[in-house]
Amino acid sequence: MEKKKNRTMLMFGAVGLLLVLVIHLTHRNLLLNWSVNDFTSYAPYLYTYLIIPFALYGMTCFVYLKKQDHVAIPWLMSLLFTFISIGMIANGEGMVVYHFSIFLVVALIAFYDRTEIIALMTLLFALFHIITMFWGMDFFYGTENYSWFMFSLHAIYLILTSAGTSYQILQKNAHVRELTEHSQNKQAETEQLLHQLQSVGNALKSTTHVINHTSHQSSKSFTEMEELIYKRGQNAEEQVEQAENHALNLSDIQAALEQISKSIEVVSAQAKYTSAATQDGKASLTEISSHLHSTDTSFTETSENIQSLQTYSDHISQLTKEIASMTEHTKLLALNASIEAARAGEHGKGFSVVAQEVQKLAEQSGHATERIFSIVDAIGEHVTQAGIHAGEGKRKMETSLDHVTHLEGNFRRILEQSEEVERQTGEITASSQQLLATVDLFSHSFESLLKFTKEGKGQNQSILHFSKQQLEHVKKVTEEAQRMTKMVQDVQRITENMSGKQGEGKPNLRVVS
């Protein structure tokens, strides 16, 4: 800025020198106020005041070429314009009109906005005017009768002009100082704002980086979760299929138990029939002698009944084995159900309890089955013994009526065994009913498990659907994060450009006094 001022003032100085030269040549040829003798006598002074501005201009140009913003240049320019004005007055034959050039000098010197330079120029003019009032009045004022009143007016105008210009400079400097402080404050605020914007940009950049990383991780997690849910759905379908198969097996077990119950009822009826027949046989012992053939027939029927009883006993044994197999299968199902309930976590606690109860009932059924085995074995043994005794009684009956008494004892034992069979058959019936009730309970529990498994399958589909929706939201968040990242990059680029421009475009305000 100072360099530009100095260059401009050198241009005005060149114009001023040209004006001095023109004024000198004009008044030398025209002689508007002096005579030829006056001009001849004043010629040395005229050339002196003509050379001094050119010398000062040459000195100023030399300093300017050495350093364009040298501190001495404004002072040299003040001397230059002061002597240009004095040169105009002197070479203009002291005419009053050239005295007004002092105001042009004040206006030009004010370009530097420095009151000390104006004070120097004013002091030089005042000193020169005072000196010429005593020595060289005709030379400087163009007349020998220049009054002190006119001098005072010139001095007052000069002082007022210099004082007014200086006051304007001081006011301007104060205003510039305020503007500089305000600009510095605004610059500090701007720098702080830029710093905050950069901090916010960095924070947003970090946030968007975290969002992008989190979104990618979430997308990856949702993809893995989707695969897990898909596999879980397949497992649920397999569980539903297995549960349906188990339900069919339970239906078969329930049907078999119902068949066992019916068979036990048949055995019970047969036991009652055997007991009644034994009682009839006992009552007929008194008529054995007269009804030997009838007794032989009764022994034959009894033998056939014993064989039938043996057959039913075999059937019961077979059915009991099937019950034992079903009991073991039930235990396995209960164990599998406990394992699946453990896999199900919190949702499988209730079913785990049901599976444990089913396992306990299966164990009780196993114990009952063992008892049935023992009873059936006992029945088989008794039936075998009854057959042996009946054969022996028949042979003894055919050989001798003396064995009738022994036969009566055998019938009595048969009756007792038949009653025992009837009693044990009742116990088997009760156990069978209990086992049937247990199977019914297990069947209901398994139906609940099947329903729960189907609901879990539907929930898996819902979770898969919601996870896909969530994945779409995550993708949208990722897109927004990418867009935010681009915006943050734009903001950072703008703040960096603003920081660079601010460093280049700071206001070059300078306060001078």
Protein backbone atom coordinates (compact mmCIF):
# COMPACT_ATOMS: atom_id res chain seq x y z
CA MET A 1 0.00 0.00 0.00
CA GLU A 2 2.81 2.44 0.94
CA LYS A 3 4.60 1.62 -2.29
CA LYS A 4 1.52 2.50 -4.30
CA LYS A 5 1.16 5.84 -2.47
CA ASN A 6 4.78 6.71 -3.14
CA ARG A 7 4.47 5.83 -6.80
CA THR A 8 1.31 7.98 -7.11
CA MET A 9 2.95 10.93 -5.34
CA LEU A 10 5.96 10.71 -7.65
CA MET A 11 3.56 11.04 -10.58
CA PHE A 12 1.96 14.13 -9.01
CA GLY A 13 5.47 15.46 -8.30
CA ALA A 14 6.40 15.09 -11.96
CA VAL A 15 3.25 17.01 -12.90
CA GLY A 16 4.15 19.71 -10.33
CA LEU A 17 7.66 20.04 -11.77
CA LEU A 18 6.18 20.36 -15.24
CA LEU A 19 3.86 23.13 -13.99
CA VAL A 20 6.81 24.98 -12.36
CA LEU A 21 8.75 24.75 -15.61
CA VAL A 22 5.74 25.97 -17.64
CA ILE A 23 5.17 28.87 -15.21
CA HIS A 24 8.85 29.81 -15.41
CA LEU A 25 8.92 29.87 -19.22
CA THR A 26 5.59 31.66 -19.43
CA HIS A 27 6.48 34.51 -17.07
CA ARG A 28 9.99 34.81 -18.50
CA ASN A 29 8.60 35.50 -21.92
CA LEU A 30 5.50 37.53 -20.95
CA LEU A 31 6.71 39.48 -17.87
CA LEU A 32 3.23 40.07 -16.48
CA ASN A 33 4.29 41.78 -13.23
CA TRP A 34 8.03 42.41 -13.37
CA SER A 35 10.20 44.36 -15.71
CA VAL A 36 13.15 43.01 -17.63
CA ASN A 37 15.53 44.43 -15.09
CA ASP A 38 13.58 42.83 -12.25
CA PHE A 39 13.70 39.49 -13.96
CA THR A 40 17.42 39.86 -14.62
CA SER A 41 18.14 40.75 -11.00
CA TYR A 42 15.96 37.91 -9.66
CA ALA A 43 17.21 35.34 -12.16
CA PRO A 44 19.66 33.57 -9.79
CA TYR A 45 16.93 33.16 -7.18
CA LEU A 46 14.45 32.01 -9.80
CA TYR A 47 16.78 29.32 -11.08
CA THR A 48 17.61 28.34 -7.52
CA TYR A 49 13.92 27.81 -6.69
CA LEU A 50 13.56 26.01 -10.00
CA ILE A 51 16.48 23.65 -9.38
CA ILE A 52 15.63 22.81 -5.75
CA PRO A 53 12.35 20.91 -6.65
CA PHE A 54 14.12 19.00 -9.43
CA ALA A 55 16.93 18.09 -7.03
CA LEU A 56 14.45 16.96 -4.39
CA TYR A 57 12.56 14.94 -7.02
CA GLY A 58 15.80 13.29 -8.16
CA MET A 59 16.72 12.49 -4.55
CA THR A 60 13.24 11.05 -3.91
CA CYS A 61 13.40 8.91 -7.06
CA PHE A 62 16.82 7.63 -5.98
CA VAL A 63 15.48 6.63 -2.55
CA TYR A 64 12.35 5.14 -4.17
CA LEU A 65 14.42 3.02 -6.54
CA LYS A 66 16.52 1.85 -3.62
CA LYS A 67 13.50 1.02 -1.47
CA GLN A 68 9.98 1.78 -2.63
CA ASP A 69 8.51 2.01 0.90
CA HIS A 70 11.41 3.88 2.49
CA VAL A 71 10.42 5.93 5.56
CA ALA A 72 12.14 9.05 4.20
CA ILE A 73 10.05 9.23 1.04
CA PRO A 74 6.98 10.94 2.66
CA TRP A 75 9.25 13.60 4.21
CA LEU A 76 11.05 14.14 0.91
CA MET A 77 7.68 14.39 -0.86
CA SER A 78 6.56 17.02 1.66
CA LEU A 79 9.70 19.07 0.96
CA LEU A 80 9.26 18.50 -2.78
CA PHE A 81 5.69 19.79 -2.95
CA THR A 82 6.49 22.68 -0.60
CA PHE A 83 9.31 23.86 -2.84
CA ILE A 84 7.20 23.20 -5.95
CA SER A 85 4.66 25.66 -4.51
CA ILE A 86 7.43 28.13 -3.58
CA GLY A 87 8.91 27.68 -7.04
CA MET A 88 5.50 28.44 -8.63
CA ILE A 89 5.16 31.59 -6.52
CA ALA A 90 8.70 32.77 -7.21
CA ASN A 91 8.69 31.98 -10.95
CA GLY A 92 5.15 33.37 -11.22
CA GLU A 93 6.46 36.87 -10.35
CA GLY A 94 5.01 36.62 -6.83
CA MET A 95 1.45 36.88 -8.11
CA VAL A 96 -1.20 36.19 -5.45
CA VAL A 97 -2.88 33.56 -7.57
CA TYR A 98 0.14 31.25 -7.20
CA HIS A 99 0.00 31.54 -3.42
CA PHE A 100 -3.13 29.38 -3.57
CA SER A 101 -0.95 26.49 -4.70
CA ILE A 102 -0.23 25.98 -1.01
CA PHE A 103 -3.72 24.53 -0.62
CA LEU A 104 -3.01 22.08 -3.45
CA VAL A 105 0.13 21.07 -1.57
CA VAL A 106 -1.88 20.54 1.62
CA ALA A 107 -4.35 18.37 -0.32
CA LEU A 108 -1.55 16.31 -1.86
CA ILE A 109 0.39 15.91 1.40
CA ALA A 110 -2.83 14.84 3.14
CA PHE A 111 -2.72 11.80 0.87
CA TYR A 112 -0.21 10.31 3.33
CA ASP A 113 -2.61 10.83 6.28
CA ARG A 114 0.25 12.03 8.45
CA THR A 115 -0.12 15.22 10.49
CA GLU A 116 3.62 15.60 11.18
CA ILE A 117 4.31 15.95 7.44
CA ILE A 118 1.57 18.58 7.14
CA ALA A 119 3.06 20.36 10.15
CA LEU A 120 6.49 20.37 8.47
CA MET A 121 5.04 21.82 5.27
CA THR A 122 3.08 24.47 7.21
CA LEU A 123 6.14 25.40 9.23
CA LEU A 124 8.26 25.81 6.10
CA PHE A 125 5.62 27.97 4.40
CA ALA A 126 5.14 30.10 7.49
CA LEU A 127 8.88 30.55 7.97
CA PHE A 128 9.41 31.43 4.29
CA HIS A 129 6.54 33.93 4.31
CA ILE A 130 7.76 35.61 7.48
CA ILE A 131 11.32 35.92 6.16
CA THR A 132 10.14 37.37 2.85
CA MET A 133 8.04 39.95 4.67
CA PHE A 134 11.35 41.45 5.82
CA TRP A 135 13.64 40.50 2.96
CA GLY A 136 12.40 39.99 -0.62
CA MET A 137 8.79 41.17 -0.36
CA ASP A 138 8.75 42.37 -3.98
CA PHE A 139 10.31 39.07 -5.11
CA PHE A 140 7.85 36.79 -3.24
CA TYR A 141 4.69 38.89 -3.09
CA GLY A 142 5.11 40.80 -6.39
CA THR A 143 4.89 44.19 -4.65
CA GLU A 144 6.80 46.23 -2.06
CA ASN A 145 3.63 47.23 -0.24
CA TYR A 146 2.25 43.85 0.79
CA SER A 147 0.38 44.44 4.04
CA TRP A 148 0.61 42.48 7.24
CA PHE A 149 -3.17 42.16 7.09
CA MET A 150 -2.90 40.21 3.85
CA PHE A 151 -0.04 38.20 5.33
CA SER A 152 -2.22 37.43 8.35
CA LEU A 153 -5.07 36.32 6.11
CA HIS A 154 -2.69 34.01 4.25
CA ALA A 155 -1.36 32.69 7.52
CA ILE A 156 -4.85 32.18 8.99
CA TYR A 157 -6.05 30.37 5.85
CA LEU A 158 -2.93 28.23 5.83
CA ILE A 159 -3.27 27.38 9.53
CA LEU A 160 -6.99 26.70 9.21
CA THR A 161 -6.44 24.56 6.13
CA SER A 162 -3.62 22.64 7.78
CA ALA A 163 -5.54 22.35 11.06
CA GLY A 164 -8.71 21.23 9.28
CA THR A 165 -6.82 18.75 7.20
CA SER A 166 -4.94 17.50 10.28
CA TYR A 167 -8.24 17.21 12.18
CA GLN A 168 -9.73 15.23 9.32
CA ILE A 169 -6.64 13.02 9.28
CA LEU A 170 -6.89 12.50 13.04
CA GLN A 171 -10.59 11.69 12.78
CA LYS A 172 -9.93 9.44 9.86
CA ASN A 173 -7.11 7.72 11.77
CA ALA A 174 -9.38 7.27 14.78
CA HIS A 175 -12.06 5.84 12.54
CA VAL A 176 -9.46 3.69 10.78
CA ARG A 177 -8.21 2.58 14.21
CA GLU A 178 -11.74 1.60 15.16
CA LEU A 179 -12.17 -0.13 11.83
CA THR A 180 -8.83 -1.87 12.33
CA GLU A 181 -9.78 -3.05 15.80
CA HIS A 182 -13.20 -4.07 14.53
CA SER A 183 -11.57 -5.79 11.58
CA GLN A 184 -9.11 -7.55 13.87
CA ASN A 185 -11.97 -8.63 16.14
CA LYS A 186 -13.96 -9.81 13.16
CA GLN A 187 -10.84 -11.49 11.82
CA ALA A 188 -10.33 -13.24 15.18
CA GLU A 189 -13.99 -14.21 15.24
CA THR A 190 -13.71 -15.40 11.65
CA GLU A 191 -10.61 -17.39 12.46
CA GLN A 192 -12.35 -18.83 15.51
CA LEU A 193 -15.40 -19.59 13.38
CA LEU A 194 -13.22 -21.22 10.74
CA HIS A 195 -11.45 -23.19 13.47
CA GLN A 196 -14.81 -24.25 14.88
CA LEU A 197 -16.03 -25.13 11.40
CA GLN A 198 -12.90 -27.17 10.84
CA SER A 199 -13.39 -28.82 14.25
CA VAL A 200 -17.03 -29.48 13.44
CA GLY A 201 -16.00 -30.76 10.02
CA ASN A 202 -13.44 -33.08 11.57
CA ALA A 203 -16.00 -34.22 14.16
CA LEU A 204 -18.59 -34.77 11.45
CA LYS A 205 -15.98 -36.56 9.38
CA SER A 206 -15.17 -38.83 12.31
CA THR A 207 -18.88 -39.30 13.00
CA THR A 208 -19.64 -40.16 9.39
CA HIS A 209 -16.64 -42.51 9.37
CA VAL A 210 -18.04 -44.22 12.48
CA ILE A 211 -21.52 -44.27 10.90
CA ASN A 212 -20.10 -45.78 7.70
CA HIS A 213 -18.12 -48.36 9.69
CA THR A 214 -21.14 -49.09 11.91
CA SER A 215 -23.42 -49.31 8.87
CA HIS A 216 -21.06 -51.74 7.16
CA GLN A 217 -20.79 -53.77 10.36
CA SER A 218 -24.59 -53.64 10.78
CA SER A 219 -25.08 -54.73 7.18
CA LYS A 220 -22.65 -57.58 7.72
CA SER A 221 -24.35 -58.50 11.01
CA PHE A 222 -27.80 -58.34 9.46
CA THR A 223 -26.60 -60.52 6.59
CA GLU A 224 -25.21 -63.06 9.05
CA MET A 225 -28.39 -62.79 11.14
CA GLU A 226 -30.46 -63.32 8.02
CA GLU A 227 -28.49 -66.48 7.26
CA LEU A 228 -28.91 -67.65 10.86
CA ILE A 229 -32.64 -66.93 10.76
CA TYR A 230 -32.90 -68.78 7.46
CA LYS A 231 -31.09 -71.77 8.97
CA ARG A 232 -33.27 -71.45 12.06
CA GLY A 233 -36.34 -71.50 9.81
CA GLN A 234 -35.08 -74.67 8.16
CA ASN A 235 -34.45 -76.18 11.58
CA ALA A 236 -37.93 -75.11 12.65
CA GLU A 237 -39.39 -76.83 9.59
CA GLU A 238 -37.47 -79.98 10.48
CA GLN A 239 -38.67 -79.67 14.08
CA VAL A 240 -42.25 -79.27 12.88
CA GLU A 241 -41.86 -82.34 10.70
CA GLN A 242 -40.31 -84.32 13.55
CA ALA A 243 -42.97 -83.09 15.95
CA GLU A 244 -45.68 -84.21 13.53
CA ASN A 245 -43.99 -87.60 13.27
CA HIS A 246 -43.77 -87.77 17.06
CA ALA A 247 -47.43 -86.84 17.26
CA LEU A 248 -48.23 -89.71 14.93
CA ASN A 249 -46.12 -92.01 17.10
CA LEU A 250 -48.00 -90.78 20.16
CA SER A 251 -51.26 -91.53 18.40
CA ASP A 252 -49.98 -95.04 17.71
CA ILE A 253 -48.94 -95.41 21.36
CA GLN A 254 -52.33 -94.17 22.49
CA ALA A 255 -54.08 -96.61 20.15
CA ALA A 256 -51.85 -99.44 21.38
CA LEU A 257 -52.60 -98.57 25.00
CA GLU A 258 -56.31 -98.55 24.24
CA GLN A 259 -55.87 -101.96 22.63
CA ILE A 260 -53.98 -103.15 25.72
CA SER A 261 -56.80 -101.88 27.91
CA LYS A 262 -59.31 -103.77 25.84
CA SER A 263 -57.15 -106.90 25.98
CA ILE A 264 -56.85 -106.59 29.75
CA GLU A 265 -60.63 -106.28 29.98
CA VAL A 266 -60.88 -109.49 27.96
CA VAL A 267 -58.38 -111.14 30.30
CA SER A 268 -60.35 -109.92 33.29
CA ALA A 269 -63.56 -111.26 31.83
CA GLN A 270 -61.87 -114.53 31.10
CA ALA A 271 -60.54 -114.65 34.65
CA LYS A 272 -64.03 -114.10 35.96
CA TYR A 273 -65.30 -116.76 33.64
CA THR A 274 -62.55 -119.12 34.85
CA SER A 275 -63.46 -118.37 38.44
CA ALA A 276 -67.14 -119.06 37.75
CA ALA A 277 -66.28 -122.23 35.90
CA THR A 278 -64.07 -123.32 38.75
CA GLN A 279 -66.87 -122.71 41.18
CA ASP A 280 -69.24 -124.71 39.00
CA GLY A 281 -66.66 -127.49 38.86
CA LYS A 282 -66.39 -127.47 42.62
CA ALA A 283 -70.15 -127.66 42.97
CA SER A 284 -70.25 -130.55 40.57
CA LEU A 285 -67.74 -132.59 42.52
CA THR A 286 -70.59 -134.20 44.51
CA GLU A 287 -72.03 -135.46 41.29
CA ILE A 288 -68.76 -136.75 39.84
CA SER A 289 -69.54 -140.30 40.43
CA SER A 290 -72.83 -140.24 38.62
CA HIS A 291 -71.73 -137.72 36.03
CA LEU A 292 -68.30 -138.97 35.15
CA HIS A 293 -68.70 -138.33 31.46
CA SER A 294 -70.05 -134.91 32.17
CA THR A 295 -67.05 -134.27 34.39
CA ASP A 296 -64.74 -135.52 31.67
CA THR A 297 -66.34 -133.02 29.30
CA SER A 298 -65.94 -130.30 31.92
CA PHE A 299 -62.29 -131.23 32.33
CA THR A 300 -61.89 -130.97 28.56
CA GLU A 301 -63.48 -127.52 28.54
CA THR A 302 -61.37 -126.54 31.48
CA SER A 303 -58.23 -127.66 29.64
CA GLU A 304 -59.30 -125.65 26.60
CA ASN A 305 -59.97 -122.64 28.80
CA ILE A 306 -56.57 -123.03 30.37
CA GLN A 307 -55.03 -123.11 26.90
CA SER A 308 -57.00 -119.98 25.98
CA LEU A 309 -55.81 -118.37 29.19
CA GLN A 310 -52.24 -119.29 28.26
CA THR A 311 -52.84 -117.73 24.83
CA TYR A 312 -54.19 -114.54 26.41
CA SER A 313 -51.29 -114.55 28.82
CA ASP A 314 -48.94 -114.72 25.84
CA HIS A 315 -50.86 -111.85 24.23
CA ILE A 316 -50.58 -109.83 27.42
CA SER A 317 -46.85 -110.55 27.55
CA GLN A 318 -46.47 -109.43 23.94
CA LEU A 319 -48.49 -106.27 24.54
CA THR A 320 -46.54 -105.60 27.70
CA LYS A 321 -43.32 -105.84 25.69
CA GLU A 322 -44.77 -103.35 23.24
CA ILE A 323 -45.68 -101.12 26.18
CA ALA A 324 -42.10 -101.41 27.45
CA SER A 325 -40.80 -100.50 23.98
CA MET A 326 -43.18 -97.55 23.86
CA THR A 327 -42.07 -96.54 27.32
CA GLU A 328 -38.43 -96.52 26.22
CA HIS A 329 -39.42 -94.59 23.10
CA THR A 330 -41.32 -92.13 25.31
CA LYS A 331 -38.21 -91.70 27.45
CA LEU A 332 -36.17 -90.98 24.33
CA LEU A 333 -38.81 -88.50 23.16
CA ALA A 334 -38.81 -86.82 26.56
CA LEU A 335 -35.00 -86.66 26.48
CA ASN A 336 -35.07 -85.17 22.96
CA ALA A 337 -37.74 -82.72 24.07
CA SER A 338 -35.58 -81.69 27.07
CA ILE A 339 -32.62 -81.16 24.73
CA GLU A 340 -34.72 -79.09 22.31
CA ALA A 341 -36.17 -77.13 25.23
CA ALA A 342 -32.64 -76.40 26.45
CA ARG A 343 -31.75 -75.17 22.95
CA ALA A 344 -34.85 -72.98 22.89
CA GLY A 345 -33.59 -71.06 25.94
CA GLU A 346 -36.13 -68.93 27.80
CA HIS A 347 -38.97 -70.00 25.49
CA GLY A 348 -38.37 -73.68 26.24
CA LYS A 349 -38.41 -73.58 30.03
CA GLY A 350 -42.09 -74.48 30.27
CA PHE A 351 -41.76 -77.29 27.81
CA SER A 352 -38.66 -78.54 29.62
CA VAL A 353 -40.78 -78.99 32.75
CA VAL A 354 -43.42 -80.84 30.74
CA ALA A 355 -40.71 -83.04 29.18
CA GLN A 356 -39.38 -83.88 32.65
CA GLU A 357 -42.88 -84.82 33.86
CA VAL A 358 -43.34 -86.96 30.76
CA GLN A 359 -40.04 -88.64 31.50
CA LYS A 360 -41.15 -89.34 35.07
CA LEU A 361 -44.44 -90.79 33.82
CA ALA A 362 -42.49 -92.89 31.32
CA GLU A 363 -40.39 -94.22 34.20
CA GLN A 364 -43.56 -95.00 36.17
CA SER A 365 -44.96 -96.74 33.10
CA GLY A 366 -41.73 -98.73 32.92
CA HIS A 367 -42.14 -99.80 36.53
CA ALA A 368 -45.78 -100.73 35.87
CA THR A 369 -44.69 -102.65 32.79
CA GLU A 370 -42.18 -104.56 34.87
CA ARG A 371 -44.94 -105.40 37.29
CA ILE A 372 -47.12 -106.54 34.39
CA PHE A 373 -44.25 -108.73 33.24
CA SER A 374 -43.98 -110.30 36.66
CA ILE A 375 -47.75 -110.81 36.88
CA VAL A 376 -47.94 -112.26 33.37
CA ASP A 377 -45.05 -114.56 34.21
CA ALA A 378 -46.89 -115.63 37.35
CA ILE A 379 -50.07 -116.17 35.39
CA GLY A 380 -48.15 -118.21 32.84
CA GLU A 381 -46.64 -120.30 35.58
CA HIS A 382 -50.03 -120.78 37.24
CA VAL A 383 -51.71 -121.55 33.94
CA THR A 384 -49.01 -124.11 33.21
CA GLN A 385 -49.43 -125.62 36.61
CA ALA A 386 -53.22 -125.58 36.15
CA GLY A 387 -52.82 -127.43 32.87
CA ILE A 388 -50.55 -129.99 34.48
CA HIS A 389 -52.94 -130.46 37.37
CA ALA A 390 -55.94 -130.67 35.05
CA GLY A 391 -54.19 -133.37 33.04
CA GLU A 392 -53.27 -135.23 36.12
CA GLY A 393 -56.82 -134.88 37.46
CA LYS A 394 -58.26 -136.14 34.20
CA ARG A 395 -55.94 -139.13 34.20
CA LYS A 396 -56.64 -139.78 37.86
CA MET A 397 -60.35 -139.30 37.24
CA GLU A 398 -60.21 -141.90 34.47
CA THR A 399 -58.21 -144.32 36.58
CA SER A 400 -59.78 -143.80 39.96
CA LEU A 401 -62.56 -141.93 41.66
CA ASP A 402 -60.33 -141.81 44.73
CA HIS A 403 -58.64 -138.79 43.30
CA VAL A 404 -61.84 -136.73 43.43
CA THR A 405 -60.86 -135.27 46.74
CA HIS A 406 -57.48 -134.27 45.32
CA LEU A 407 -59.23 -132.83 42.30
CA GLU A 408 -61.47 -130.78 44.59
CA GLY A 409 -58.34 -129.31 46.18
CA ASN A 410 -56.95 -128.53 42.75
CA PHE A 411 -60.17 -126.78 41.80
CA ARG A 412 -59.98 -124.81 45.00
CA ARG A 413 -56.47 -123.71 44.13
CA ILE A 414 -57.57 -122.92 40.58
CA LEU A 415 -60.31 -120.77 42.03
CA GLU A 416 -57.85 -118.94 44.24
CA GLN A 417 -55.49 -118.41 41.29
CA SER A 418 -58.38 -117.23 39.15
CA GLU A 419 -59.30 -114.73 41.82
CA GLU A 420 -55.66 -113.68 41.99
CA VAL A 421 -55.60 -113.31 38.20
CA GLU A 422 -58.77 -111.25 38.40
CA ARG A 423 -57.27 -109.05 41.09
CA GLN A 424 -53.99 -108.57 39.23
CA THR A 425 -55.90 -107.95 36.03
CA GLY A 426 -57.71 -105.14 37.81
CA GLU A 427 -54.38 -103.67 38.85
CA ILE A 428 -53.12 -103.96 35.28
CA THR A 429 -56.28 -102.22 34.10
CA ALA A 430 -55.72 -99.38 36.57
CA SER A 431 -52.06 -99.03 35.52
CA SER A 432 -53.08 -99.13 31.90
CA GLN A 433 -55.64 -96.39 32.49
CA GLN A 434 -53.01 -94.29 34.27
CA LEU A 435 -50.52 -94.88 31.47
CA LEU A 436 -53.22 -93.96 28.94
CA ALA A 437 -53.94 -90.74 30.87
CA THR A 438 -50.20 -90.00 30.92
CA VAL A 439 -49.95 -90.56 27.19
CA ASP A 440 -52.97 -88.26 26.70
CA LEU A 441 -51.22 -85.57 28.77
CA PHE A 442 -48.00 -86.07 26.84
CA SER A 443 -50.01 -85.91 23.61
CA HIS A 444 -51.52 -82.55 24.63
CA SER A 445 -48.10 -81.28 25.65
CA PHE A 446 -46.66 -82.42 22.36
CA GLU A 447 -49.49 -80.68 20.53
CA SER A 448 -48.58 -77.51 22.43
CA LEU A 449 -44.94 -78.08 21.45
CA LEU A 450 -45.99 -78.55 17.83
CA LYS A 451 -48.05 -75.36 17.99
CA PHE A 452 -45.14 -73.50 19.61
CA THR A 453 -42.77 -74.83 16.96
CA LYS A 454 -45.11 -73.69 14.19
CA GLU A 455 -45.46 -70.29 15.86
CA GLY A 456 -41.64 -70.13 16.11
CA LYS A 457 -41.47 -70.87 12.41
CA GLY A 458 -43.88 -68.00 11.72
CA GLN A 459 -41.91 -65.74 14.06
CA ASN A 460 -38.74 -66.64 12.18
CA GLN A 461 -40.42 -65.49 8.97
CA SER A 462 -41.50 -62.25 10.67
CA ILE A 463 -37.99 -61.71 12.08
CA LEU A 464 -36.53 -62.36 8.64
CA HIS A 465 -38.95 -59.83 7.13
CA PHE A 466 -38.17 -57.20 9.78
CA SER A 467 -34.44 -57.86 9.49
CA LYS A 468 -34.67 -57.22 5.75
CA GLN A 469 -36.52 -53.96 6.45
CA GLN A 470 -33.88 -53.04 9.03
CA LEU A 471 -31.17 -53.83 6.50
CA GLU A 472 -32.85 -51.45 4.03
CA HIS A 473 -32.87 -48.76 6.75
CA VAL A 474 -29.19 -49.42 7.42
CA LYS A 475 -28.47 -49.06 3.70
CA LYS A 476 -30.34 -45.74 3.70
CA VAL A 477 -28.32 -44.63 6.74
CA THR A 478 -25.16 -45.61 4.86
CA GLU A 479 -26.23 -43.54 1.86
CA GLU A 480 -27.02 -40.56 4.13
CA ALA A 481 -23.65 -41.01 5.86
CA GLN A 482 -21.89 -40.99 2.50
CA ARG A 483 -23.82 -37.87 1.50
CA MET A 484 -22.89 -36.28 4.84
CA THR A 485 -19.25 -37.24 4.26
CA LYS A 486 -19.34 -35.44 0.91
CA MET A 487 -20.93 -32.40 2.56
CA VAL A 488 -18.26 -32.43 5.29
CA GLN A 489 -15.55 -32.61 2.65
CA ASP A 490 -17.15 -29.65 0.85
CA VAL A 491 -17.31 -27.70 4.16
CA GLN A 492 -13.66 -28.51 4.91
CA ARG A 493 -12.63 -27.46 1.41
CA ILE A 494 -14.58 -24.19 1.78
CA THR A 495 -13.07 -23.50 5.21
CA GLU A 496 -9.59 -24.23 3.88
CA ASN A 497 -10.20 -21.88 0.94
CA MET A 498 -11.56 -19.23 3.33
CA SER A 499 -8.52 -19.65 5.57
CA GLY A 500 -6.20 -19.26 2.58
CA LYS A 501 -8.06 -16.24 1.21
CA GLN A 502 -8.24 -14.67 4.64
CA GLY A 503 -4.47 -14.89 4.95
CA GLU A 504 -4.10 -13.26 1.54
CA GLY A 505 -6.87 -10.68 1.85
CA LYS A 506 -6.34 -9.14 5.29
CA PRO A 507 -7.20 -5.40 5.31
CA ASN A 508 -4.06 -3.33 5.12
CA LEU A 509 -5.26 -0.54 7.40
CA ARG A 510 -2.56 1.59 9.00
CA VAL A 511 -3.05 4.38 11.47
CA VAL A 512 -0.72 7.35 11.16
CA SER A 513 -0.46 10.43 13.32
